[in-house]
Amino acid sequence: AVAVFVTGALATACGGGSSPSGLNNPDTLASAIRDSAQH
């Protein structure tokens, strides 16, 4: 299990309505995984 904690702007999803927030948003999670994999 590899834990990655995300704070600040990365964890904040854009948009409104019923869109999932933070890393529950697939696009936000993809960005976090992209950064981790590139690192």
PDB file of all heavy atoms in Angstrom:
ATOM      1  N   ALA A   1       0.857  -1.184   0.000  1.00  0.00           N
ATOM      2  CA  ALA A   1       0.000   0.000   0.000  1.00  0.00           C
ATOM      3  C   ALA A   1       0.889   1.228   0.000  1.00  0.00           C
ATOM      4  O   ALA A   1       1.744   1.393   0.850  1.00  0.00           O
ATOM      5  CB  ALA A   1      -0.907   0.011   1.218  1.00  0.00           C
ATOM      6  N   VAL A   2       0.709   2.058  -0.999  1.00  0.00           N
ATOM      7  CA  VAL A   2       1.483   3.286  -1.111  1.00  0.00           C
ATOM      8  C   VAL A   2       0.522   4.439  -0.902  1.00  0.00           C
ATOM      9  O   VAL A   2      -0.406   4.632  -1.668  1.00  0.00           O
ATOM     10  CB  VAL A   2       2.144   3.397  -2.498  1.00  0.00           C
ATOM     11  CG1 VAL A   2       2.922   4.680  -2.609  1.00  0.00           C
ATOM     12  CG2 VAL A   2       3.046   2.195  -2.743  1.00  0.00           C
ATOM     13  N   ALA A   3       0.729   5.200   0.141  1.00  0.00           N
ATOM     14  CA  ALA A   3      -0.171   6.311   0.456  1.00  0.00           C
ATOM     15  C   ALA A   3       0.408   7.602  -0.075  1.00  0.00           C
ATOM     16  O   ALA A   3       1.592   7.859   0.044  1.00  0.00           O
ATOM     17  CB  ALA A   3      -0.372   6.420   1.962  1.00  0.00           C
ATOM     18  N   VAL A   4      -0.428   8.376  -0.668  1.00  0.00           N
ATOM     19  CA  VAL A   4      -0.041   9.691  -1.139  1.00  0.00           C
ATOM     20  C   VAL A   4      -1.057  10.677  -0.589  1.00  0.00           C
ATOM     21  O   VAL A   4      -2.244  10.559  -0.831  1.00  0.00           O
ATOM     22  CB  VAL A   4      -0.036   9.761  -2.681  1.00  0.00           C
ATOM     23  CG1 VAL A   4       0.323  11.147  -3.141  1.00  0.00           C
ATOM     24  CG2 VAL A   4       0.933   8.737  -3.246  1.00  0.00           C
ATOM     25  N   PHE A   5      -0.573  11.636   0.167  1.00  0.00           N
ATOM     26  CA  PHE A   5      -1.454  12.634   0.740  1.00  0.00           C
ATOM     27  C   PHE A   5      -1.374  13.891  -0.100  1.00  0.00           C
ATOM     28  O   PHE A   5      -0.294  14.355  -0.439  1.00  0.00           O
ATOM     29  CB  PHE A   5      -1.062  12.926   2.193  1.00  0.00           C
ATOM     30  CG  PHE A   5      -1.232  11.725   3.051  1.00  0.00           C
ATOM     31  CD1 PHE A   5      -0.179  10.872   3.286  1.00  0.00           C
ATOM     32  CD2 PHE A   5      -2.471  11.414   3.576  1.00  0.00           C
ATOM     33  CE1 PHE A   5      -0.345   9.736   4.055  1.00  0.00           C
ATOM     34  CE2 PHE A   5      -2.646  10.278   4.341  1.00  0.00           C
ATOM     35  CZ  PHE A   5      -1.580   9.436   4.584  1.00  0.00           C
ATOM     36  N   VAL A   6      -2.509  14.420  -0.422  1.00  0.00           N
ATOM     37  CA  VAL A   6      -2.580  15.563  -1.304  1.00  0.00           C
ATOM     38  C   VAL A   6      -3.295  16.696  -0.575  1.00  0.00           C
ATOM     39  O   VAL A   6      -4.354  16.498  -0.004  1.00  0.00           O
ATOM     40  CB  VAL A   6      -3.344  15.208  -2.595  1.00  0.00           C
ATOM     41  CG1 VAL A   6      -3.407  16.390  -3.524  1.00  0.00           C
ATOM     42  CG2 VAL A   6      -2.676  14.027  -3.279  1.00  0.00           C
ATOM     43  N   THR A   7      -2.693  17.873  -0.615  1.00  0.00           N
ATOM     44  CA  THR A   7      -3.313  19.035   0.009  1.00  0.00           C
ATOM     45  C   THR A   7      -3.344  20.176  -0.982  1.00  0.00           C
ATOM     46  O   THR A   7      -2.728  20.117  -2.021  1.00  0.00           O
ATOM     47  CB  THR A   7      -2.530  19.476   1.261  1.00  0.00           C
ATOM     48  OG1 THR A   7      -1.203  19.809   0.864  1.00  0.00           O
ATOM     49  CG2 THR A   7      -2.509  18.390   2.307  1.00  0.00           C
ATOM     50  N   GLY A   8      -4.027  21.220  -0.606  1.00  0.00           N
ATOM     51  CA  GLY A   8      -4.040  22.431  -1.420  1.00  0.00           C
ATOM     52  C   GLY A   8      -4.849  22.280  -2.683  1.00  0.00           C
ATOM     53  O   GLY A   8      -5.832  21.564  -2.744  1.00  0.00           O
ATOM     54  N   ALA A   9      -4.383  22.954  -3.747  1.00  0.00           N
ATOM     55  CA  ALA A   9      -5.132  23.060  -4.989  1.00  0.00           C
ATOM     56  C   ALA A   9      -5.352  21.713  -5.650  1.00  0.00           C
ATOM     57  O   ALA A   9      -6.370  21.497  -6.289  1.00  0.00           O
ATOM     58  CB  ALA A   9      -4.415  23.997  -5.955  1.00  0.00           C
ATOM     59  N   LEU A  10      -4.409  20.784  -5.516  1.00  0.00           N
ATOM     60  CA  LEU A  10      -4.555  19.500  -6.177  1.00  0.00           C
ATOM     61  C   LEU A  10      -5.766  18.744  -5.659  1.00  0.00           C
ATOM     62  O   LEU A  10      -6.434  18.045  -6.395  1.00  0.00           O
ATOM     63  CB  LEU A  10      -3.289  18.663  -5.969  1.00  0.00           C
ATOM     64  CG  LEU A  10      -3.229  17.338  -6.711  1.00  0.00           C
ATOM     65  CD1 LEU A  10      -3.394  17.560  -8.205  1.00  0.00           C
ATOM     66  CD2 LEU A  10      -1.926  16.644  -6.418  1.00  0.00           C
ATOM     67  N   ALA A  11      -6.069  18.882  -4.377  1.00  0.00           N
ATOM     68  CA  ALA A  11      -7.192  18.156  -3.795  1.00  0.00           C
ATOM     69  C   ALA A  11      -8.517  18.862  -4.008  1.00  0.00           C
ATOM     70  O   ALA A  11      -9.557  18.324  -3.689  1.00  0.00           O
ATOM     71  CB  ALA A  11      -6.960  17.948  -2.300  1.00  0.00           C
ATOM     72  N   THR A  12      -8.493  20.052  -4.551  1.00  0.00           N
ATOM     73  CA  THR A  12      -9.713  20.810  -4.759  1.00  0.00           C
ATOM     74  C   THR A  12     -10.163  20.656  -6.202  1.00  0.00           C
ATOM     75  O   THR A  12      -9.463  21.024  -7.116  1.00  0.00           O
ATOM     76  CB  THR A  12      -9.474  22.302  -4.456  1.00  0.00           C
ATOM     77  OG1 THR A  12      -8.962  22.403  -3.141  1.00  0.00           O
ATOM     78  CG2 THR A  12     -10.749  23.086  -4.590  1.00  0.00           C
ATOM     79  N   ALA A  13     -11.303  20.093  -6.385  1.00  0.00           N
ATOM     80  CA  ALA A  13     -11.829  19.906  -7.734  1.00  0.00           C
ATOM     81  C   ALA A  13     -12.561  21.160  -8.180  1.00  0.00           C
ATOM     82  O   ALA A  13     -13.165  21.862  -7.386  1.00  0.00           O
ATOM     83  CB  ALA A  13     -12.784  18.717  -7.754  1.00  0.00           C
ATOM     84  N   CYS A  14     -12.494  21.412  -9.467  1.00  0.00           N
ATOM     85  CA  CYS A  14     -13.215  22.555 -10.038  1.00  0.00           C
ATOM     86  C   CYS A  14     -14.630  22.110 -10.393  1.00  0.00           C
ATOM     87  O   CYS A  14     -14.894  20.945 -10.590  1.00  0.00           O
ATOM     88  CB  CYS A  14     -12.505  23.042 -11.295  1.00  0.00           C
ATOM     89  SG  CYS A  14     -10.840  23.637 -10.971  1.00  0.00           S
ATOM     90  N   GLY A  15     -15.485  23.068 -10.503  1.00  0.00           N
ATOM     91  CA  GLY A  15     -16.832  22.771 -10.941  1.00  0.00           C
ATOM     92  C   GLY A  15     -17.824  22.846  -9.812  1.00  0.00           C
ATOM     93  O   GLY A  15     -17.497  23.133  -8.679  1.00  0.00           O
ATOM     94  N   GLY A  16     -19.052  22.548 -10.139  1.00  0.00           N
ATOM     95  CA  GLY A  16     -20.100  22.625  -9.139  1.00  0.00           C
ATOM     96  C   GLY A  16     -21.088  21.510  -9.345  1.00  0.00           C
ATOM     97  O   GLY A  16     -20.800  20.510  -9.957  1.00  0.00           O
ATOM     98  N   GLY A  17     -22.258  21.717  -8.828  1.00  0.00           N
ATOM     99  CA  GLY A  17     -23.308  20.721  -8.980  1.00  0.00           C
ATOM    100  C   GLY A  17     -22.987  19.455  -8.228  1.00  0.00           C
ATOM    101  O   GLY A  17     -22.498  19.482  -7.116  1.00  0.00           O
ATOM    102  N   SER A  18     -23.262  18.324  -8.871  1.00  0.00           N
ATOM    103  CA  SER A  18     -23.065  17.045  -8.206  1.00  0.00           C
ATOM    104  C   SER A  18     -21.736  16.401  -8.552  1.00  0.00           C
ATOM    105  O   SER A  18     -21.552  15.217  -8.329  1.00  0.00           O
ATOM    106  CB  SER A  18     -24.219  16.111  -8.577  1.00  0.00           C
ATOM    107  OG  SER A  18     -24.190  15.884  -9.977  1.00  0.00           O
ATOM    108  N   SER A  19     -20.808  17.149  -9.119  1.00  0.00           N
ATOM    109  CA  SER A  19     -19.506  16.593  -9.453  1.00  0.00           C
ATOM    110  C   SER A  19     -18.788  16.161  -8.187  1.00  0.00           C
ATOM    111  O   SER A  19     -18.842  16.833  -7.167  1.00  0.00           O
ATOM    112  CB  SER A  19     -18.640  17.639 -10.180  1.00  0.00           C
ATOM    113  OG  SER A  19     -19.219  17.981 -11.396  1.00  0.00           O
ATOM    114  N   PRO A  20     -18.087  15.009  -8.247  1.00  0.00           N
ATOM    115  CA  PRO A  20     -17.327  14.574  -7.083  1.00  0.00           C
ATOM    116  C   PRO A  20     -16.223  15.578  -6.773  1.00  0.00           C
ATOM    117  O   PRO A  20     -15.703  16.240  -7.665  1.00  0.00           O
ATOM    118  CB  PRO A  20     -16.749  13.228  -7.499  1.00  0.00           C
ATOM    119  CG  PRO A  20     -17.041  13.049  -8.932  1.00  0.00           C
ATOM    120  CD  PRO A  20     -17.974  14.121  -9.367  1.00  0.00           C
ATOM    121  N   SER A  21     -15.866  15.675  -5.492  1.00  0.00           N
ATOM    122  CA  SER A  21     -14.862  16.654  -5.101  1.00  0.00           C
ATOM    123  C   SER A  21     -13.543  15.981  -4.756  1.00  0.00           C
ATOM    124  O   SER A  21     -13.504  14.789  -4.464  1.00  0.00           O
ATOM    125  CB  SER A  21     -15.363  17.480  -3.916  1.00  0.00           C
ATOM    126  OG  SER A  21     -15.564  16.646  -2.806  1.00  0.00           O
ATOM    127  N   GLY A  22     -12.482  16.755  -4.758  1.00  0.00           N
ATOM    128  CA  GLY A  22     -11.161  16.262  -4.411  1.00  0.00           C
ATOM    129  C   GLY A  22     -10.750  15.102  -5.292  1.00  0.00           C
ATOM    130  O   GLY A  22     -11.041  15.061  -6.481  1.00  0.00           O
ATOM    131  N   LEU A  23     -10.076  14.138  -4.688  1.00  0.00           N
ATOM    132  CA  LEU A  23      -9.578  12.989  -5.441  1.00  0.00           C
ATOM    133  C   LEU A  23     -10.686  12.012  -5.817  1.00  0.00           C
ATOM    134  O   LEU A  23     -10.437  11.051  -6.549  1.00  0.00           O
ATOM    135  CB  LEU A  23      -8.482  12.285  -4.635  1.00  0.00           C
ATOM    136  CG  LEU A  23      -7.217  13.121  -4.447  1.00  0.00           C
ATOM    137  CD1 LEU A  23      -6.285  12.455  -3.452  1.00  0.00           C
ATOM    138  CD2 LEU A  23      -6.515  13.362  -5.758  1.00  0.00           C
ATOM    139  N   ASN A  24     -11.909  12.247  -5.352  1.00  0.00           N
ATOM    140  CA  ASN A  24     -13.050  11.448  -5.805  1.00  0.00           C
ATOM    141  C   ASN A  24     -13.429  11.796  -7.241  1.00  0.00           C
ATOM    142  O   ASN A  24     -14.197  11.084  -7.864  1.00  0.00           O
ATOM    143  CB  ASN A  24     -14.249  11.641  -4.878  1.00  0.00           C
ATOM    144  CG  ASN A  24     -14.036  10.975  -3.547  1.00  0.00           C
ATOM    145  OD1 ASN A  24     -13.625   9.821  -3.484  1.00  0.00           O
ATOM    146  ND2 ASN A  24     -14.282  11.698  -2.476  1.00  0.00           N
ATOM    147  N   ASN A  25     -12.889  12.891  -7.743  1.00  0.00           N
ATOM    148  CA  ASN A  25     -13.069  13.280  -9.139  1.00  0.00           C
ATOM    149  C   ASN A  25     -12.021  12.532  -9.957  1.00  0.00           C
ATOM    150  O   ASN A  25     -10.822  12.680  -9.708  1.00  0.00           O
ATOM    151  CB  ASN A  25     -12.886  14.793  -9.278  1.00  0.00           C
ATOM    152  CG  ASN A  25     -13.063  15.267 -10.691  1.00  0.00           C
ATOM    153  OD1 ASN A  25     -12.549  14.681 -11.633  1.00  0.00           O
ATOM    154  ND2 ASN A  25     -13.771  16.371 -10.851  1.00  0.00           N
ATOM    155  N   PRO A  26     -12.418  11.712 -10.938  1.00  0.00           N
ATOM    156  CA  PRO A  26     -11.452  10.921 -11.703  1.00  0.00           C
ATOM    157  C   PRO A  26     -10.351  11.755 -12.361  1.00  0.00           C
ATOM    158  O   PRO A  26      -9.203  11.308 -12.446  1.00  0.00           O
ATOM    159  CB  PRO A  26     -12.312  10.212 -12.751  1.00  0.00           C
ATOM    160  CG  PRO A  26     -13.676  10.179 -12.167  1.00  0.00           C
ATOM    161  CD  PRO A  26     -13.797  11.430 -11.341  1.00  0.00           C
ATOM    162  N   ASP A  27     -10.671  12.963 -12.820  1.00  0.00           N
ATOM    163  CA  ASP A  27      -9.658  13.811 -13.452  1.00  0.00           C
ATOM    164  C   ASP A  27      -8.626  14.307 -12.447  1.00  0.00           C
ATOM    165  O   ASP A  27      -7.433  14.380 -12.737  1.00  0.00           O
ATOM    166  CB  ASP A  27     -10.309  15.001 -14.162  1.00  0.00           C
ATOM    167  CG  ASP A  27     -11.162  14.572 -15.339  1.00  0.00           C
ATOM    168  OD1 ASP A  27     -10.867  13.516 -15.950  1.00  0.00           O
ATOM    169  OD2 ASP A  27     -12.130  15.289 -15.648  1.00  0.00           O
ATOM    170  N   THR A  28      -9.074  14.644 -11.244  1.00  0.00           N
ATOM    171  CA  THR A  28      -8.166  15.096 -10.198  1.00  0.00           C
ATOM    172  C   THR A  28      -7.277  13.947  -9.739  1.00  0.00           C
ATOM    173  O   THR A  28      -6.074  14.112  -9.553  1.00  0.00           O
ATOM    174  CB  THR A  28      -8.953  15.678  -9.012  1.00  0.00           C
ATOM    175  OG1 THR A  28      -9.802  16.726  -9.492  1.00  0.00           O
ATOM    176  CG2 THR A  28      -8.031  16.242  -7.951  1.00  0.00           C
ATOM    177  N   LEU A  29      -7.864  12.759  -9.581  1.00  0.00           N
ATOM    178  CA  LEU A  29      -7.082  11.585  -9.207  1.00  0.00           C
ATOM    179  C   LEU A  29      -6.058  11.254 -10.287  1.00  0.00           C
ATOM    180  O   LEU A  29      -4.899  10.953  -9.979  1.00  0.00           O
ATOM    181  CB  LEU A  29      -8.000  10.386  -8.951  1.00  0.00           C
ATOM    182  CG  LEU A  29      -7.296   9.085  -8.572  1.00  0.00           C
ATOM    183  CD1 LEU A  29      -6.504   9.252  -7.274  1.00  0.00           C
ATOM    184  CD2 LEU A  29      -8.318   7.962  -8.448  1.00  0.00           C
ATOM    185  N   ALA A  30      -6.451  11.325 -11.553  1.00  0.00           N
ATOM    186  CA  ALA A  30      -5.523  11.052 -12.653  1.00  0.00           C
ATOM    187  C   ALA A  30      -4.334  11.998 -12.611  1.00  0.00           C
ATOM    188  O   ALA A  30      -3.187  11.591 -12.824  1.00  0.00           O
ATOM    189  CB  ALA A  30      -6.253  11.157 -13.998  1.00  0.00           C
ATOM    190  N   SER A  31      -4.580  13.261 -12.306  1.00  0.00           N
ATOM    191  CA  SER A  31      -3.500  14.241 -12.208  1.00  0.00           C
ATOM    192  C   SER A  31      -2.537  13.886 -11.075  1.00  0.00           C
ATOM    193  O   SER A  31      -1.309  13.965 -11.235  1.00  0.00           O
ATOM    194  CB  SER A  31      -4.091  15.634 -11.999  1.00  0.00           C
ATOM    195  OG  SER A  31      -3.067  16.587 -11.864  1.00  0.00           O
ATOM    196  N   ALA A  32      -3.069  13.479  -9.929  1.00  0.00           N
ATOM    197  CA  ALA A  32      -2.232  13.111  -8.784  1.00  0.00           C
ATOM    198  C   ALA A  32      -1.406  11.862  -9.101  1.00  0.00           C
ATOM    199  O   ALA A  32      -0.209  11.803  -8.786  1.00  0.00           O
ATOM    200  CB  ALA A  32      -3.096  12.886  -7.553  1.00  0.00           C
ATOM    201  N   ILE A  33      -2.013  10.877  -9.741  1.00  0.00           N
ATOM    202  CA  ILE A  33      -1.289   9.658 -10.095  1.00  0.00           C
ATOM    203  C   ILE A  33      -0.245   9.957 -11.155  1.00  0.00           C
ATOM    204  O   ILE A  33       0.867   9.418 -11.116  1.00  0.00           O
ATOM    205  CB  ILE A  33      -2.270   8.551 -10.506  1.00  0.00           C
ATOM    206  CG1 ILE A  33      -3.010   8.065  -9.250  1.00  0.00           C
ATOM    207  CG2 ILE A  33      -1.565   7.405 -11.214  1.00  0.00           C
ATOM    208  CD1 ILE A  33      -4.050   7.021  -9.484  1.00  0.00           C
ATOM    209  N   ARG A  34      -0.567  10.817 -12.108  1.00  0.00           N
ATOM    210  CA  ARG A  34       0.404  11.223 -13.133  1.00  0.00           C
ATOM    211  C   ARG A  34       1.637  11.837 -12.473  1.00  0.00           C
ATOM    212  O   ARG A  34       2.775  11.469 -12.794  1.00  0.00           O
ATOM    213  CB  ARG A  34      -0.214  12.222 -14.112  1.00  0.00           C
ATOM    214  CG  ARG A  34       0.760  12.727 -15.170  1.00  0.00           C
ATOM    215  CD  ARG A  34       0.154  13.795 -16.086  1.00  0.00           C
ATOM    216  NE  ARG A  34      -1.063  13.320 -16.720  1.00  0.00           N
ATOM    217  CZ  ARG A  34      -2.288  13.777 -16.440  1.00  0.00           C
ATOM    218  NH1 ARG A  34      -2.474  14.726 -15.540  1.00  0.00           N
ATOM    219  NH2 ARG A  34      -3.325  13.291 -17.070  1.00  0.00           N
ATOM    220  N   ASP A  35       1.427  12.753 -11.535  1.00  0.00           N
ATOM    221  CA  ASP A  35       2.549  13.400 -10.850  1.00  0.00           C
ATOM    222  C   ASP A  35       3.379  12.391 -10.063  1.00  0.00           C
ATOM    223  O   ASP A  35       4.610  12.432 -10.083  1.00  0.00           O
ATOM    224  CB  ASP A  35       2.044  14.502  -9.921  1.00  0.00           C
ATOM    225  CG  ASP A  35       1.443  15.686 -10.664  1.00  0.00           C
ATOM    226  OD1 ASP A  35       1.641  15.795 -11.897  1.00  0.00           O
ATOM    227  OD2 ASP A  35       0.773  16.494 -10.006  1.00  0.00           O
ATOM    228  N   SER A  36       2.723  11.480  -9.368  1.00  0.00           N
ATOM    229  CA  SER A  36       3.420  10.472  -8.573  1.00  0.00           C
ATOM    230  C   SER A  36       4.223   9.528  -9.467  1.00  0.00           C
ATOM    231  O   SER A  36       5.379   9.209  -9.174  1.00  0.00           O
ATOM    232  CB  SER A  36       2.422   9.685  -7.735  1.00  0.00           C
ATOM    233  OG  SER A  36       3.074   8.675  -7.012  1.00  0.00           O
ATOM    234  N   ALA A  37       3.606   9.071 -10.558  1.00  0.00           N
ATOM    235  CA  ALA A  37       4.296   8.167 -11.478  1.00  0.00           C
ATOM    236  C   ALA A  37       5.497   8.851 -12.121  1.00  0.00           C
ATOM    237  O   ALA A  37       6.572   8.254 -12.247  1.00  0.00           O
ATOM    238  CB  ALA A  37       3.327   7.674 -12.552  1.00  0.00           C
ATOM    239  N   GLN A  38       5.329  10.114 -12.508  1.00  0.00           N
ATOM    240  CA  GLN A  38       6.453  10.833 -13.124  1.00  0.00           C
ATOM    241  C   GLN A  38       7.580  11.030 -12.122  1.00  0.00           C
ATOM    242  O   GLN A  38       8.757  10.920 -12.466  1.00  0.00           O
ATOM    243  CB  GLN A  38       6.000  12.170 -13.700  1.00  0.00           C
ATOM    244  CG  GLN A  38       7.074  12.852 -14.530  1.00  0.00           C
ATOM    245  CD  GLN A  38       7.509  12.000 -15.724  1.00  0.00           C
ATOM    246  OE1 GLN A  38       6.695  11.598 -16.547  1.00  0.00           O
ATOM    247  NE2 GLN A  38       8.792  11.710 -15.818  1.00  0.00           N
ATOM    248  N   HIS A  39       7.239  11.278 -10.868  1.00  0.00           N
ATOM    249  CA  HIS A  39       8.256  11.411  -9.825  1.00  0.00           C
ATOM    250  C   HIS A  39       9.041  10.099  -9.685  1.00  0.00           C
ATOM    251  O   HIS A  39      10.274  10.118  -9.561  1.00  0.00           O
ATOM    252  CB  HIS A  39       7.611  11.795  -8.491  1.00  0.00           C
ATOM    253  CG  HIS A  39       8.581  11.876  -7.371  1.00  0.00           C
ATOM    254  ND1 HIS A  39       9.480  12.905  -7.239  1.00  0.00           N
ATOM    255  CD2 HIS A  39       8.824  11.032  -6.342  1.00  0.00           C
ATOM    256  CE1 HIS A  39      10.227  12.700  -6.177  1.00  0.00           C
ATOM    257  NE2 HIS A  39       9.842  11.566  -5.612  1.00  0.00           N
TER     258      HIS A  39
END
